[in-house]
Amino acid sequence: MNRMSWDEYGLELALTAAKRSEDPYLKVGACILRSDRSVVSLGYNGAPSSVEIIWNDRDARRGSVIHAEINALRYCLPSDTRDGYLYITHHPCAECLKVIASYGIKKIIFKDLINNDVYDLESIKFLARLYGISLEQKG
């Protein structure tokens, strides 16, 4: 019997979480595993409770959406995430990376790149190194 790897497991959970996103343009999911690989939290990108987003207004949408990583982290204690793993369907942005670092997560595995003018992957990689976070694309 072939058993999926921990990275496959984490990414699969992130992909499942992404299916809850109401964003018609980009569905993002996140999964946080403790250092022992037990599940801490899941999250997906979307509007805050009771906020209606105008999805076809690009600037308003960007300013209103809470990212999947932040939605997953809001249910965590730093003691749950210290030296843990974050699996994301798409690479994190710089702002999310700062918050992720504050929770002590040391490894981020993502599936896809976001190709737009806001997220510069080289800057993200630089920040990850600065914060001592391993950033790896898989899938």
C-alpha atoms as a PDB file:
ATOM      1  CA  MET A   1       0.000   0.000   0.000  1.00  0.00           C
ATOM      2  CA  ASN A   2       1.312   3.434  -0.947  1.00  0.00           C
ATOM      3  CA  ARG A   3       0.798   5.999   1.752  1.00  0.00           C
ATOM      4  CA  MET A   4       0.833   9.691   0.868  1.00  0.00           C
ATOM      5  CA  SER A   5       3.752  11.724   2.209  1.00  0.00           C
ATOM      6  CA  TRP A   6       3.256  14.382   4.880  1.00  0.00           C
ATOM      7  CA  ASP A   7       3.737  17.088   2.257  1.00  0.00           C
ATOM      8  CA  GLU A   8       1.126  15.496  -0.007  1.00  0.00           C
ATOM      9  CA  TYR A   9      -1.222  15.242   2.973  1.00  0.00           C
ATOM     10  CA  GLY A  10      -0.755  18.898   3.961  1.00  0.00           C
ATOM     11  CA  LEU A  11      -1.229  20.139   0.404  1.00  0.00           C
ATOM     12  CA  GLU A  12      -4.305  17.961  -0.072  1.00  0.00           C
ATOM     13  CA  LEU A  13      -5.879  19.451   3.063  1.00  0.00           C
ATOM     14  CA  ALA A  14      -5.031  22.968   1.805  1.00  0.00           C
ATOM     15  CA  LEU A  15      -6.603  22.177  -1.574  1.00  0.00           C
ATOM     16  CA  THR A  16      -9.742  20.929   0.173  1.00  0.00           C
ATOM     17  CA  ALA A  17      -9.944  24.082   2.307  1.00  0.00           C
ATOM     18  CA  ALA A  18      -9.616  26.233  -0.839  1.00  0.00           C
ATOM     19  CA  LYS A  19     -12.881  24.783  -2.140  1.00  0.00           C
ATOM     20  CA  ARG A  20     -14.710  26.806   0.555  1.00  0.00           C
ATOM     21  CA  SER A  21     -13.460  30.120  -0.877  1.00  0.00           C
ATOM     22  CA  GLU A  22     -16.064  32.348  -2.470  1.00  0.00           C
ATOM     23  CA  ASP A  23     -13.446  34.211  -4.522  1.00  0.00           C
ATOM     24  CA  PRO A  24     -14.288  33.564  -8.188  1.00  0.00           C
ATOM     25  CA  TYR A  25     -10.766  34.499  -9.353  1.00  0.00           C
ATOM     26  CA  LEU A  26      -8.400  32.721  -6.973  1.00  0.00           C
ATOM     27  CA  LYS A  27      -9.295  30.063  -4.434  1.00  0.00           C
ATOM     28  CA  VAL A  28      -6.547  29.707  -1.845  1.00  0.00           C
ATOM     29  CA  GLY A  29      -6.392  27.219   1.013  1.00  0.00           C
ATOM     30  CA  ALA A  30      -3.983  26.744   3.901  1.00  0.00           C
ATOM     31  CA  CYS A  31      -3.251  23.911   6.314  1.00  0.00           C
ATOM     32  CA  ILE A  32      -1.100  24.181   9.438  1.00  0.00           C
ATOM     33  CA  LEU A  33       0.512  21.109  10.951  1.00  0.00           C
ATOM     34  CA  ARG A  34       2.336  21.022  14.271  1.00  0.00           C
ATOM     35  CA  SER A  35       5.932  19.841  14.409  1.00  0.00           C
ATOM     36  CA  ASP A  36       4.581  16.319  15.116  1.00  0.00           C
ATOM     37  CA  ARG A  37       2.457  16.639  11.915  1.00  0.00           C
ATOM     38  CA  SER A  38      -0.901  16.739  13.698  1.00  0.00           C
ATOM     39  CA  VAL A  39      -3.408  19.200  12.212  1.00  0.00           C
ATOM     40  CA  VAL A  40      -3.714  22.557  13.941  1.00  0.00           C
ATOM     41  CA  SER A  41      -5.917  24.519  11.568  1.00  0.00           C
ATOM     42  CA  LEU A  42      -7.268  25.063   8.070  1.00  0.00           C
ATOM     43  CA  GLY A  43      -8.194  28.313   6.353  1.00  0.00           C
ATOM     44  CA  TYR A  44      -9.250  29.763   3.010  1.00  0.00           C
ATOM     45  CA  ASN A  45      -9.344  33.219   1.457  1.00  0.00           C
ATOM     46  CA  GLY A  46     -12.516  35.224   1.685  1.00  0.00           C
ATOM     47  CA  ALA A  47     -14.449  38.103   3.148  1.00  0.00           C
ATOM     48  CA  PRO A  48     -14.653  38.824   6.863  1.00  0.00           C
ATOM     49  CA  SER A  49     -17.959  37.810   8.440  1.00  0.00           C
ATOM     50  CA  SER A  50     -20.834  40.096   7.449  1.00  0.00           C
ATOM     51  CA  VAL A  51     -18.775  41.903   4.792  1.00  0.00           C
ATOM     52  CA  GLU A  52     -19.943  41.749   1.197  1.00  0.00           C
ATOM     53  CA  ILE A  53     -17.136  41.971  -1.340  1.00  0.00           C
ATOM     54  CA  ILE A  54     -17.660  43.330  -4.840  1.00  0.00           C
ATOM     55  CA  TRP A  55     -15.661  40.622  -6.548  1.00  0.00           C
ATOM     56  CA  ASN A  56     -15.412  42.303  -9.965  1.00  0.00           C
ATOM     57  CA  ASP A  57     -13.752  45.439  -8.478  1.00  0.00           C
ATOM     58  CA  ARG A  58     -10.096  44.389  -8.405  1.00  0.00           C
ATOM     59  CA  ASP A  59      -8.830  47.076  -6.025  1.00  0.00           C
ATOM     60  CA  ALA A  60     -11.730  46.757  -3.584  1.00  0.00           C
ATOM     61  CA  ARG A  61     -11.401  42.981  -3.650  1.00  0.00           C
ATOM     62  CA  ARG A  62      -7.682  43.068  -2.856  1.00  0.00           C
ATOM     63  CA  GLY A  63      -8.236  45.385   0.069  1.00  0.00           C
ATOM     64  CA  SER A  64     -11.055  43.323   1.554  1.00  0.00           C
ATOM     65  CA  VAL A  65     -10.049  39.666   1.247  1.00  0.00           C
ATOM     66  CA  ILE A  66      -8.515  37.954   4.251  1.00  0.00           C
ATOM     67  CA  HIS A  67      -5.819  35.563   3.051  1.00  0.00           C
ATOM     68  CA  ALA A  68      -6.040  31.838   3.734  1.00  0.00           C
ATOM     69  CA  GLU A  69      -2.905  31.828   5.885  1.00  0.00           C
ATOM     70  CA  ILE A  70      -4.302  34.508   8.201  1.00  0.00           C
ATOM     71  CA  ASN A  71      -7.647  32.733   8.458  1.00  0.00           C
ATOM     72  CA  ALA A  72      -5.828  29.526   9.432  1.00  0.00           C
ATOM     73  CA  LEU A  73      -3.528  31.262  11.933  1.00  0.00           C
ATOM     74  CA  ARG A  74      -6.332  33.057  13.747  1.00  0.00           C
ATOM     75  CA  TYR A  75      -7.269  29.786  15.482  1.00  0.00           C
ATOM     76  CA  CYS A  76      -3.709  28.981  16.557  1.00  0.00           C
ATOM     77  CA  LEU A  77      -1.543  29.640  19.547  1.00  0.00           C
ATOM     78  CA  PRO A  78       2.153  30.196  18.862  1.00  0.00           C
ATOM     79  CA  SER A  79       2.846  27.119  21.010  1.00  0.00           C
ATOM     80  CA  ASP A  80       0.823  25.068  18.480  1.00  0.00           C
ATOM     81  CA  THR A  81       2.742  26.332  15.479  1.00  0.00           C
ATOM     82  CA  ARG A  82       6.330  26.644  16.765  1.00  0.00           C
ATOM     83  CA  ASP A  83       8.568  24.743  14.307  1.00  0.00           C
ATOM     84  CA  GLY A  84       5.441  23.658  12.456  1.00  0.00           C
ATOM     85  CA  TYR A  85       4.518  23.439   8.792  1.00  0.00           C
ATOM     86  CA  LEU A  86       2.276  25.594   6.636  1.00  0.00           C
ATOM     87  CA  TYR A  87       0.867  24.182   3.415  1.00  0.00           C
ATOM     88  CA  ILE A  88      -0.679  26.648   0.978  1.00  0.00           C
ATOM     89  CA  THR A  89      -2.208  26.226  -2.447  1.00  0.00           C
ATOM     90  CA  HIS A  90      -0.357  29.378  -3.622  1.00  0.00           C
ATOM     91  CA  HIS A  91       2.799  31.102  -2.395  1.00  0.00           C
ATOM     92  CA  PRO A  92       2.363  33.565   0.475  1.00  0.00           C
ATOM     93  CA  CYS A  93       2.507  37.330   0.141  1.00  0.00           C
ATOM     94  CA  ALA A  94       5.010  39.442   2.091  1.00  0.00           C
ATOM     95  CA  GLU A  95       2.464  40.583   4.671  1.00  0.00           C
ATOM     96  CA  CYS A  96       1.336  37.029   5.401  1.00  0.00           C
ATOM     97  CA  LEU A  97       4.953  35.877   5.590  1.00  0.00           C
ATOM     98  CA  LYS A  98       5.596  38.377   8.403  1.00  0.00           C
ATOM     99  CA  VAL A  99       2.663  37.012  10.395  1.00  0.00           C
ATOM    100  CA  ILE A 100       3.680  33.419   9.665  1.00  0.00           C
ATOM    101  CA  ALA A 101       7.167  34.161  11.007  1.00  0.00           C
ATOM    102  CA  SER A 102       5.701  35.563  14.221  1.00  0.00           C
ATOM    103  CA  TYR A 103       4.053  32.183  14.861  1.00  0.00           C
ATOM    104  CA  GLY A 104       7.371  30.329  14.614  1.00  0.00           C
ATOM    105  CA  ILE A 105       6.500  28.297  11.528  1.00  0.00           C
ATOM    106  CA  LYS A 106       9.744  27.124   9.952  1.00  0.00           C
ATOM    107  CA  LYS A 107       8.606  25.460   6.732  1.00  0.00           C
ATOM    108  CA  ILE A 108       6.141  26.585   4.072  1.00  0.00           C
ATOM    109  CA  ILE A 109       5.216  24.288   1.229  1.00  0.00           C
ATOM    110  CA  PHE A 110       3.105  25.718  -1.568  1.00  0.00           C
ATOM    111  CA  LYS A 111       1.708  24.292  -4.784  1.00  0.00           C
ATOM    112  CA  ASP A 112       1.297  27.156  -7.264  1.00  0.00           C
ATOM    113  CA  LEU A 113       2.719  30.562  -8.027  1.00  0.00           C
ATOM    114  CA  ILE A 114       0.493  33.611  -8.124  1.00  0.00           C
ATOM    115  CA  ASN A 115       1.180  35.394 -11.378  1.00  0.00           C
ATOM    116  CA  ASN A 116       0.239  39.026 -10.955  1.00  0.00           C
ATOM    117  CA  ASP A 117       1.810  42.405 -10.369  1.00  0.00           C
ATOM    118  CA  VAL A 118       1.471  42.425  -6.570  1.00  0.00           C
ATOM    119  CA  TYR A 119       3.496  39.438  -5.361  1.00  0.00           C
ATOM    120  CA  ASP A 120       7.164  39.366  -6.312  1.00  0.00           C
ATOM    121  CA  LEU A 121       8.417  35.837  -5.594  1.00  0.00           C
ATOM    122  CA  GLU A 122      12.052  36.924  -5.255  1.00  0.00           C
ATOM    123  CA  SER A 123      11.072  39.350  -2.479  1.00  0.00           C
ATOM    124  CA  ILE A 124       9.080  36.596  -0.795  1.00  0.00           C
ATOM    125  CA  LYS A 125      12.081  34.244  -0.967  1.00  0.00           C
ATOM    126  CA  PHE A 126      14.320  36.963   0.491  1.00  0.00           C
ATOM    127  CA  LEU A 127      11.932  37.535   3.399  1.00  0.00           C
ATOM    128  CA  ALA A 128      11.617  33.802   4.026  1.00  0.00           C
ATOM    129  CA  ARG A 129      15.417  33.505   4.307  1.00  0.00           C
ATOM    130  CA  LEU A 130      15.519  36.557   6.568  1.00  0.00           C
ATOM    131  CA  TYR A 131      12.944  34.955   8.890  1.00  0.00           C
ATOM    132  CA  GLY A 132      14.599  31.519   8.796  1.00  0.00           C
ATOM    133  CA  ILE A 133      11.688  29.914   6.972  1.00  0.00           C
ATOM    134  CA  SER A 134      12.147  27.214   4.376  1.00  0.00           C
ATOM    135  CA  LEU A 135       9.964  28.011   1.339  1.00  0.00           C
ATOM    136  CA  GLU A 136       9.415  25.159  -1.082  1.00  0.00           C
ATOM    137  CA  GLN A 137       7.193  24.620  -4.109  1.00  0.00           C
ATOM    138  CA  LYS A 138       5.746  21.123  -4.581  1.00  0.00           C
ATOM    139  CA  GLY A 139       3.005  19.601  -6.578  1.00  0.00           C
END
